[in-house]
Amino acid sequence: MFITLLYHLHLIRPRLPPLKTGHNKLPPEILTALRSGRPLPPEYHRLVTQIEDQQRAKHTELCRRIQATARVRNLLWDLIIFLVTVVVLLAYVLHIVWGALAELIEEKRRWKATPCLCDQPVVRVEGAEWEGWAFAALRGVVNGAAAMLAVVYTWR
C-alpha cells in the first residue's frame, strides 16, 4: 500500500489510468484527485505520514525481537559452555581426589600388612601423604581452571 501511494505521488499526471483498489484501499477523495490531476487533499499527506509511522514501528519491533533472540541465543551458548567447562573441571578434580584416596587406601593396606614396624627405620614424615594429596588437589584445581579459561576464550 505504501509503495502504491509513493508510486502515485511521484507520477501525478492529468490523466492516470484507473487505480486498482482491491487490496490497496485508498479513500475515494484521494482516488478522484489522482485520476483528475487535481492537488491532493491534506488527508493524503496525513495518510502517508501514518503509513510511514506504522512501517517504522513494525521495523523497530522487528529489530527489537531480533536483538532479543540474539541475546537469548548468546546467553544459552554461554550457559552451555559454562556447564560443559564445570563438568570437565569437576570430573578432573574428582579424578585427582579419587586417585589420591585410592593411593592412600593402598598405602594403608601395605602398612597394615607389614609384620613389625619396630625393626624398620622410620623414613616417613607424619602427614606427608595429606600434604601430597592437598598439593595434587590444588594442582588439579589450577589446571582445571586454566582449562576452563582456555575453553571459554577459545569458543568466544
N, C-alpha and C. Protein backbone atom coordinates (compact mmCIF):
# COMPACT_ATOMS: atom_id res chain seq x y z
N MET A 1 0.83 -1.19 0.00
CA MET A 1 0.00 0.00 0.00
C MET A 1 0.87 1.25 0.00
N PHE A 2 1.92 1.24 0.84
CA PHE A 2 2.81 2.38 0.91
C PHE A 2 3.53 2.61 -0.42
N ILE A 3 3.95 1.53 -1.06
CA ILE A 3 4.64 1.64 -2.35
C ILE A 3 3.68 2.19 -3.40
N THR A 4 2.43 1.76 -3.35
CA THR A 4 1.43 2.28 -4.29
C THR A 4 1.23 3.78 -4.10
N LEU A 5 1.16 4.22 -2.84
CA LEU A 5 1.00 5.65 -2.58
C LEU A 5 2.20 6.45 -3.08
N LEU A 6 3.40 5.96 -2.83
CA LEU A 6 4.58 6.66 -3.33
C LEU A 6 4.62 6.67 -4.85
N TYR A 7 4.21 5.55 -5.45
CA TYR A 7 4.17 5.48 -6.91
C TYR A 7 3.25 6.56 -7.46
N HIS A 8 2.07 6.70 -6.87
CA HIS A 8 1.13 7.71 -7.37
C HIS A 8 1.54 9.11 -6.98
N LEU A 9 2.27 9.24 -5.90
CA LEU A 9 2.73 10.57 -5.50
C LEU A 9 3.75 11.10 -6.52
N HIS A 10 4.59 10.23 -7.03
CA HIS A 10 5.62 10.67 -7.97
C HIS A 10 5.13 10.71 -9.41
N LEU A 11 4.02 10.07 -9.71
CA LEU A 11 3.55 10.03 -11.10
C LEU A 11 2.18 10.71 -11.24
N ILE A 12 2.02 11.85 -10.66
CA ILE A 12 0.75 12.56 -10.78
C ILE A 12 0.70 13.22 -12.16
N ARG A 13 -0.30 12.85 -12.96
CA ARG A 13 -0.49 13.39 -14.30
C ARG A 13 -1.97 13.74 -14.47
N PRO A 14 -2.29 14.54 -15.44
CA PRO A 14 -3.70 14.88 -15.63
C PRO A 14 -4.57 13.66 -15.90
N ARG A 15 -4.07 12.68 -16.62
CA ARG A 15 -4.89 11.51 -16.93
C ARG A 15 -4.14 10.24 -16.51
N LEU A 16 -4.50 9.72 -15.38
CA LEU A 16 -3.92 8.46 -14.91
C LEU A 16 -4.88 7.33 -15.21
N PRO A 17 -4.36 6.15 -15.48
CA PRO A 17 -5.27 5.02 -15.66
C PRO A 17 -6.00 4.72 -14.35
N PRO A 18 -7.13 4.06 -14.43
CA PRO A 18 -7.86 3.76 -13.19
C PRO A 18 -7.01 2.91 -12.24
N LEU A 19 -7.14 3.23 -10.96
CA LEU A 19 -6.36 2.52 -9.94
C LEU A 19 -7.03 1.22 -9.55
N LYS A 20 -6.22 0.25 -9.20
CA LYS A 20 -6.75 -0.99 -8.65
C LYS A 20 -6.98 -0.74 -7.16
N THR A 21 -8.17 -0.97 -6.72
CA THR A 21 -8.49 -0.68 -5.32
C THR A 21 -8.78 -1.97 -4.53
N GLY A 22 -8.34 -3.12 -5.03
CA GLY A 22 -8.63 -4.39 -4.35
C GLY A 22 -8.06 -4.45 -2.95
N HIS A 23 -6.76 -4.67 -2.83
CA HIS A 23 -6.16 -4.77 -1.51
C HIS A 23 -5.57 -3.43 -1.05
N ASN A 24 -5.39 -2.48 -1.97
CA ASN A 24 -4.92 -1.15 -1.61
C ASN A 24 -6.13 -0.22 -1.56
N LYS A 25 -6.77 -0.16 -0.45
CA LYS A 25 -7.97 0.66 -0.32
C LYS A 25 -7.57 2.10 -0.02
N LEU A 26 -7.75 2.97 -1.01
CA LEU A 26 -7.50 4.39 -0.81
C LEU A 26 -8.84 5.09 -0.64
N PRO A 27 -8.83 6.14 0.14
CA PRO A 27 -10.07 6.90 0.27
C PRO A 27 -10.52 7.44 -1.08
N PRO A 28 -11.84 7.55 -1.30
CA PRO A 28 -12.33 7.97 -2.62
C PRO A 28 -11.88 9.37 -3.05
N GLU A 29 -11.72 10.30 -2.09
CA GLU A 29 -11.29 11.65 -2.49
C GLU A 29 -9.85 11.65 -3.01
N ILE A 30 -9.01 10.75 -2.48
CA ILE A 30 -7.64 10.65 -2.98
C ILE A 30 -7.66 10.01 -4.37
N LEU A 31 -8.51 9.00 -4.54
CA LEU A 31 -8.61 8.37 -5.86
C LEU A 31 -9.08 9.36 -6.92
N THR A 32 -10.09 10.14 -6.59
CA THR A 32 -10.58 11.11 -7.58
C THR A 32 -9.54 12.19 -7.86
N ALA A 33 -8.80 12.59 -6.81
CA ALA A 33 -7.76 13.61 -7.04
C ALA A 33 -6.65 13.06 -7.92
N LEU A 34 -6.29 11.81 -7.71
CA LEU A 34 -5.25 11.21 -8.53
C LEU A 34 -5.71 11.05 -9.97
N ARG A 35 -6.94 10.66 -10.15
CA ARG A 35 -7.46 10.45 -11.51
C ARG A 35 -7.63 11.76 -12.26
N SER A 36 -8.03 12.80 -11.55
CA SER A 36 -8.31 14.07 -12.24
C SER A 36 -7.08 14.95 -12.34
N GLY A 37 -6.01 14.67 -11.58
CA GLY A 37 -4.82 15.50 -11.65
C GLY A 37 -4.89 16.73 -10.77
N ARG A 38 -5.90 16.84 -9.94
CA ARG A 38 -6.00 17.98 -9.02
C ARG A 38 -5.00 17.81 -7.88
N PRO A 39 -4.73 18.88 -7.14
CA PRO A 39 -3.86 18.76 -5.96
C PRO A 39 -4.49 17.81 -4.94
N LEU A 40 -3.63 17.11 -4.26
CA LEU A 40 -4.12 16.12 -3.29
C LEU A 40 -4.60 16.78 -2.02
N PRO A 41 -5.63 16.22 -1.41
CA PRO A 41 -6.13 16.78 -0.15
C PRO A 41 -5.12 16.53 0.98
N PRO A 42 -5.22 17.29 2.07
CA PRO A 42 -4.28 17.13 3.19
C PRO A 42 -4.39 15.75 3.85
N GLU A 43 -5.53 15.09 3.70
CA GLU A 43 -5.66 13.75 4.29
C GLU A 43 -4.64 12.78 3.68
N TYR A 44 -4.29 13.03 2.41
CA TYR A 44 -3.32 12.17 1.74
C TYR A 44 -1.98 12.23 2.47
N HIS A 45 -1.54 13.43 2.78
CA HIS A 45 -0.25 13.59 3.47
C HIS A 45 -0.31 12.99 4.87
N ARG A 46 -1.45 13.14 5.54
CA ARG A 46 -1.60 12.51 6.86
C ARG A 46 -1.58 11.00 6.73
N LEU A 47 -2.21 10.50 5.66
CA LEU A 47 -2.22 9.05 5.44
C LEU A 47 -0.80 8.53 5.19
N VAL A 48 -0.03 9.25 4.38
CA VAL A 48 1.36 8.85 4.12
C VAL A 48 2.16 8.87 5.43
N THR A 49 1.98 9.92 6.21
CA THR A 49 2.69 10.00 7.50
C THR A 49 2.29 8.86 8.41
N GLN A 50 1.01 8.56 8.45
CA GLN A 50 0.53 7.46 9.30
C GLN A 50 1.12 6.12 8.83
N ILE A 51 1.15 5.90 7.52
CA ILE A 51 1.71 4.64 7.00
C ILE A 51 3.21 4.57 7.29
N GLU A 52 3.91 5.71 7.13
CA GLU A 52 5.35 5.71 7.46
C GLU A 52 5.57 5.39 8.93
N ASP A 53 4.75 5.96 9.80
CA ASP A 53 4.88 5.68 11.24
C ASP A 53 4.61 4.20 11.54
N GLN A 54 3.62 3.63 10.88
CA GLN A 54 3.33 2.20 11.09
C GLN A 54 4.50 1.34 10.61
N GLN A 55 5.05 1.69 9.44
CA GLN A 55 6.20 0.93 8.92
C GLN A 55 7.40 1.05 9.86
N ARG A 56 7.65 2.26 10.37
CA ARG A 56 8.76 2.47 11.29
C ARG A 56 8.55 1.69 12.58
N ALA A 57 7.33 1.66 13.09
CA ALA A 57 7.03 0.91 14.31
C ALA A 57 7.23 -0.59 14.09
N LYS A 58 6.77 -1.09 12.93
CA LYS A 58 6.97 -2.51 12.63
C LYS A 58 8.45 -2.85 12.54
N HIS A 59 9.21 -1.97 11.87
CA HIS A 59 10.64 -2.20 11.73
C HIS A 59 11.34 -2.18 13.10
N THR A 60 10.97 -1.22 13.94
CA THR A 60 11.56 -1.13 15.28
C THR A 60 11.24 -2.38 16.09
N GLU A 61 10.00 -2.83 16.04
CA GLU A 61 9.61 -4.04 16.77
C GLU A 61 10.35 -5.26 16.25
N LEU A 62 10.50 -5.35 14.92
CA LEU A 62 11.22 -6.48 14.34
C LEU A 62 12.69 -6.47 14.78
N CYS A 63 13.33 -5.30 14.76
CA CYS A 63 14.72 -5.19 15.21
C CYS A 63 14.84 -5.55 16.69
N ARG A 64 13.88 -5.12 17.50
CA ARG A 64 13.92 -5.44 18.93
C ARG A 64 13.80 -6.94 19.15
N ARG A 65 12.92 -7.59 18.39
CA ARG A 65 12.76 -9.05 18.54
C ARG A 65 14.02 -9.79 18.09
N ILE A 66 14.63 -9.34 17.00
CA ILE A 66 15.86 -9.98 16.51
C ILE A 66 16.97 -9.84 17.55
N GLN A 67 17.10 -8.64 18.13
CA GLN A 67 18.13 -8.43 19.15
C GLN A 67 17.86 -9.28 20.39
N ALA A 68 16.59 -9.37 20.80
CA ALA A 68 16.26 -10.19 21.96
C ALA A 68 16.56 -11.66 21.70
N THR A 69 16.25 -12.13 20.50
CA THR A 69 16.55 -13.52 20.14
C THR A 69 18.06 -13.77 20.15
N ALA A 70 18.81 -12.82 19.62
CA ALA A 70 20.27 -12.97 19.60
C ALA A 70 20.83 -12.97 21.02
N ARG A 71 20.29 -12.12 21.90
CA ARG A 71 20.76 -12.12 23.29
C ARG A 71 20.47 -13.45 23.97
N VAL A 72 19.27 -13.99 23.75
CA VAL A 72 18.92 -15.27 24.37
C VAL A 72 19.81 -16.38 23.82
N ARG A 73 20.05 -16.38 22.51
CA ARG A 73 20.90 -17.40 21.90
C ARG A 73 22.32 -17.32 22.46
N ASN A 74 22.87 -16.10 22.57
CA ASN A 74 24.21 -15.94 23.13
C ASN A 74 24.26 -16.37 24.59
N LEU A 75 23.21 -16.05 25.33
CA LEU A 75 23.14 -16.46 26.74
C LEU A 75 23.10 -17.97 26.86
N LEU A 76 22.35 -18.63 26.00
CA LEU A 76 22.29 -20.10 26.03
C LEU A 76 23.64 -20.72 25.69
N TRP A 77 24.32 -20.16 24.69
CA TRP A 77 25.64 -20.68 24.35
C TRP A 77 26.61 -20.49 25.51
N ASP A 78 26.57 -19.31 26.14
CA ASP A 78 27.43 -19.08 27.30
C ASP A 78 27.12 -20.05 28.42
N LEU A 79 25.83 -20.33 28.65
CA LEU A 79 25.45 -21.27 29.69
C LEU A 79 25.93 -22.68 29.35
N ILE A 80 25.80 -23.09 28.10
CA ILE A 80 26.26 -24.42 27.69
C ILE A 80 27.78 -24.52 27.86
N ILE A 81 28.51 -23.50 27.44
CA ILE A 81 29.96 -23.51 27.59
C ILE A 81 30.34 -23.58 29.07
N PHE A 82 29.66 -22.79 29.88
CA PHE A 82 29.95 -22.79 31.32
C PHE A 82 29.67 -24.16 31.93
N LEU A 83 28.53 -24.76 31.60
CA LEU A 83 28.20 -26.06 32.18
C LEU A 83 29.16 -27.15 31.73
N VAL A 84 29.53 -27.15 30.46
CA VAL A 84 30.49 -28.14 29.98
C VAL A 84 31.83 -27.96 30.68
N THR A 85 32.25 -26.72 30.83
CA THR A 85 33.51 -26.45 31.50
C THR A 85 33.47 -26.88 32.96
N VAL A 86 32.37 -26.60 33.64
CA VAL A 86 32.24 -27.01 35.04
C VAL A 86 32.25 -28.53 35.15
N VAL A 87 31.57 -29.21 34.26
CA VAL A 87 31.55 -30.68 34.30
C VAL A 87 32.94 -31.24 34.06
N VAL A 88 33.67 -30.68 33.10
CA VAL A 88 35.03 -31.15 32.83
C VAL A 88 35.93 -30.88 34.03
N LEU A 89 35.81 -29.69 34.59
CA LEU A 89 36.61 -29.35 35.77
C LEU A 89 36.27 -30.25 36.94
N LEU A 90 35.00 -30.50 37.17
CA LEU A 90 34.58 -31.38 38.26
C LEU A 90 35.07 -32.80 38.04
N ALA A 91 35.00 -33.29 36.83
CA ALA A 91 35.50 -34.63 36.53
C ALA A 91 37.01 -34.70 36.77
N TYR A 92 37.71 -33.66 36.40
CA TYR A 92 39.16 -33.64 36.60
C TYR A 92 39.50 -33.65 38.08
N VAL A 93 38.81 -32.81 38.86
CA VAL A 93 39.06 -32.76 40.31
C VAL A 93 38.68 -34.08 40.95
N LEU A 94 37.56 -34.65 40.58
CA LEU A 94 37.16 -35.95 41.14
C LEU A 94 38.15 -37.04 40.77
N HIS A 95 38.69 -36.98 39.57
CA HIS A 95 39.71 -37.96 39.17
C HIS A 95 40.95 -37.84 40.07
N ILE A 96 41.38 -36.62 40.34
CA ILE A 96 42.54 -36.39 41.21
C ILE A 96 42.24 -36.89 42.62
N VAL A 97 41.07 -36.52 43.15
CA VAL A 97 40.71 -36.92 44.51
C VAL A 97 40.57 -38.43 44.59
N TRP A 98 39.91 -39.03 43.64
CA TRP A 98 39.71 -40.48 43.64
C TRP A 98 41.05 -41.20 43.59
N GLY A 99 41.97 -40.74 42.75
CA GLY A 99 43.30 -41.34 42.66
C GLY A 99 44.07 -41.19 43.96
N ALA A 100 43.98 -40.01 44.57
CA ALA A 100 44.69 -39.79 45.83
C ALA A 100 44.11 -40.68 46.94
N LEU A 101 42.79 -40.80 47.00
CA LEU A 101 42.17 -41.67 48.02
C LEU A 101 42.52 -43.13 47.78
N ALA A 102 42.52 -43.57 46.55
CA ALA A 102 42.89 -44.96 46.25
C ALA A 102 44.34 -45.21 46.65
N GLU A 103 45.21 -44.24 46.39
CA GLU A 103 46.61 -44.39 46.78
C GLU A 103 46.75 -44.44 48.29
N LEU A 104 45.99 -43.62 49.02
CA LEU A 104 46.04 -43.65 50.48
C LEU A 104 45.55 -44.98 51.03
N ILE A 105 44.47 -45.48 50.47
CA ILE A 105 43.93 -46.77 50.92
C ILE A 105 44.93 -47.89 50.66
N GLU A 106 45.55 -47.87 49.50
CA GLU A 106 46.55 -48.89 49.17
C GLU A 106 47.75 -48.80 50.10
N GLU A 107 48.19 -47.59 50.39
CA GLU A 107 49.33 -47.41 51.29
C GLU A 107 48.99 -47.87 52.71
N LYS A 108 47.79 -47.58 53.15
CA LYS A 108 47.37 -48.02 54.49
C LYS A 108 47.32 -49.55 54.54
N ARG A 109 46.84 -50.17 53.51
CA ARG A 109 46.79 -51.63 53.46
C ARG A 109 48.20 -52.22 53.48
N ARG A 110 49.13 -51.61 52.78
CA ARG A 110 50.51 -52.09 52.80
C ARG A 110 51.13 -51.95 54.19
N TRP A 111 50.81 -50.82 54.86
CA TRP A 111 51.35 -50.62 56.21
C TRP A 111 50.79 -51.65 57.18
N LYS A 112 49.53 -51.97 57.01
CA LYS A 112 48.93 -52.97 57.90
C LYS A 112 49.48 -54.37 57.61
N ALA A 113 49.85 -54.62 56.37
CA ALA A 113 50.37 -55.93 56.01
C ALA A 113 51.81 -56.14 56.48
N THR A 114 52.50 -55.10 56.85
CA THR A 114 53.87 -55.22 57.34
C THR A 114 53.84 -55.89 58.72
N PRO A 115 54.66 -56.95 58.91
CA PRO A 115 54.57 -57.69 60.17
C PRO A 115 54.98 -56.87 61.40
N CYS A 116 56.06 -56.17 61.35
CA CYS A 116 56.50 -55.44 62.54
C CYS A 116 57.18 -54.17 62.08
N LEU A 117 56.79 -53.07 62.65
CA LEU A 117 57.38 -51.79 62.28
C LEU A 117 58.53 -51.41 63.19
N CYS A 118 58.74 -52.19 64.26
CA CYS A 118 59.76 -51.83 65.23
C CYS A 118 61.16 -51.96 64.65
N ASP A 119 61.38 -52.93 63.76
CA ASP A 119 62.71 -53.18 63.23
C ASP A 119 63.07 -52.25 62.08
N GLN A 120 62.09 -51.62 61.48
CA GLN A 120 62.36 -50.80 60.31
C GLN A 120 62.61 -49.34 60.71
N PRO A 121 63.55 -48.72 60.04
CA PRO A 121 63.76 -47.31 60.34
C PRO A 121 62.58 -46.47 59.82
N VAL A 122 62.28 -45.42 60.51
CA VAL A 122 61.16 -44.56 60.13
C VAL A 122 61.67 -43.56 59.09
N VAL A 123 61.15 -43.65 57.91
CA VAL A 123 61.53 -42.72 56.84
C VAL A 123 60.38 -41.80 56.45
N ARG A 124 59.24 -42.09 56.97
CA ARG A 124 58.06 -41.30 56.64
C ARG A 124 57.90 -40.13 57.58
N VAL A 125 57.46 -39.02 57.02
CA VAL A 125 57.12 -37.88 57.84
C VAL A 125 55.62 -37.90 58.04
N GLU A 126 55.18 -37.72 59.27
CA GLU A 126 53.75 -37.78 59.58
C GLU A 126 53.01 -36.67 58.82
N GLY A 127 51.95 -37.03 58.14
CA GLY A 127 51.13 -36.05 57.42
C GLY A 127 51.60 -35.78 56.01
N ALA A 128 52.66 -36.44 55.58
CA ALA A 128 53.19 -36.17 54.24
C ALA A 128 52.20 -36.60 53.17
N GLU A 129 51.47 -37.71 53.40
CA GLU A 129 50.52 -38.15 52.37
C GLU A 129 49.39 -37.14 52.20
N TRP A 130 49.01 -36.50 53.30
CA TRP A 130 47.95 -35.49 53.19
C TRP A 130 48.45 -34.25 52.48
N GLU A 131 49.70 -33.89 52.71
CA GLU A 131 50.27 -32.75 52.00
C GLU A 131 50.36 -33.04 50.51
N GLY A 132 50.74 -34.29 50.18
CA GLY A 132 50.79 -34.67 48.77
C GLY A 132 49.42 -34.65 48.13
N TRP A 133 48.43 -35.13 48.89
CA TRP A 133 47.06 -35.12 48.38
C TRP A 133 46.56 -33.70 48.17
N ALA A 134 46.86 -32.82 49.14
CA ALA A 134 46.42 -31.42 49.04
C ALA A 134 47.10 -30.74 47.85
N PHE A 135 48.39 -31.03 47.67
CA PHE A 135 49.09 -30.44 46.54
C PHE A 135 48.52 -30.94 45.21
N ALA A 136 48.21 -32.24 45.16
CA ALA A 136 47.64 -32.80 43.94
C ALA A 136 46.27 -32.19 43.65
N ALA A 137 45.47 -32.02 44.70
CA ALA A 137 44.14 -31.42 44.52
C ALA A 137 44.27 -29.97 44.07
N LEU A 138 45.19 -29.23 44.68
CA LEU A 138 45.40 -27.84 44.29
C LEU A 138 45.88 -27.75 42.85
N ARG A 139 46.80 -28.63 42.49
CA ARG A 139 47.28 -28.66 41.11
C ARG A 139 46.13 -28.98 40.14
N GLY A 140 45.25 -29.91 40.54
CA GLY A 140 44.11 -30.25 39.71
C GLY A 140 43.16 -29.08 39.54
N VAL A 141 42.92 -28.35 40.62
CA VAL A 141 42.02 -27.19 40.54
C VAL A 141 42.63 -26.12 39.64
N VAL A 142 43.91 -25.86 39.79
CA VAL A 142 44.56 -24.83 38.97
C VAL A 142 44.55 -25.25 37.50
N ASN A 143 44.87 -26.52 37.23
CA ASN A 143 44.86 -26.99 35.84
C ASN A 143 43.44 -26.96 35.27
N GLY A 144 42.47 -27.33 36.07
CA GLY A 144 41.08 -27.28 35.61
C GLY A 144 40.62 -25.87 35.32
N ALA A 145 41.00 -24.93 36.19
CA ALA A 145 40.63 -23.52 35.96
C ALA A 145 41.30 -23.00 34.69
N ALA A 146 42.56 -23.39 34.48
CA ALA A 146 43.24 -22.98 33.24
C ALA A 146 42.55 -23.58 32.03
N ALA A 147 42.13 -24.85 32.14
CA ALA A 147 41.42 -25.48 31.02
C ALA A 147 40.09 -24.79 30.77
N MET A 148 39.38 -24.42 31.86
CA MET A 148 38.10 -23.75 31.71
C MET A 148 38.28 -22.41 31.01
N LEU A 149 39.27 -21.64 31.41
CA LEU A 149 39.52 -20.35 30.77
C LEU A 149 39.91 -20.54 29.31
N ALA A 150 40.71 -21.56 29.03
CA ALA A 150 41.10 -21.81 27.64
C ALA A 150 39.89 -22.16 26.79
N VAL A 151 38.98 -22.98 27.33
CA VAL A 151 37.78 -23.36 26.57
C VAL A 151 36.89 -22.15 26.34
N VAL A 152 36.68 -21.35 27.38
CA VAL A 152 35.79 -20.18 27.25
C VAL A 152 36.36 -19.19 26.24
N TYR A 153 37.65 -18.89 26.33
CA TYR A 153 38.21 -17.89 25.42
C TYR A 153 38.41 -18.44 24.02
N THR A 154 38.54 -19.75 23.88
CA THR A 154 38.65 -20.33 22.54
C THR A 154 37.31 -20.28 21.83
N TRP A 155 36.23 -20.57 22.54
CA TRP A 155 34.89 -20.61 21.93
C TRP A 155 34.32 -19.24 21.72
N ARG A 156 34.85 -18.22 22.31
CA ARG A 156 34.33 -16.87 22.16
C ARG A 156 34.78 -16.33 20.88
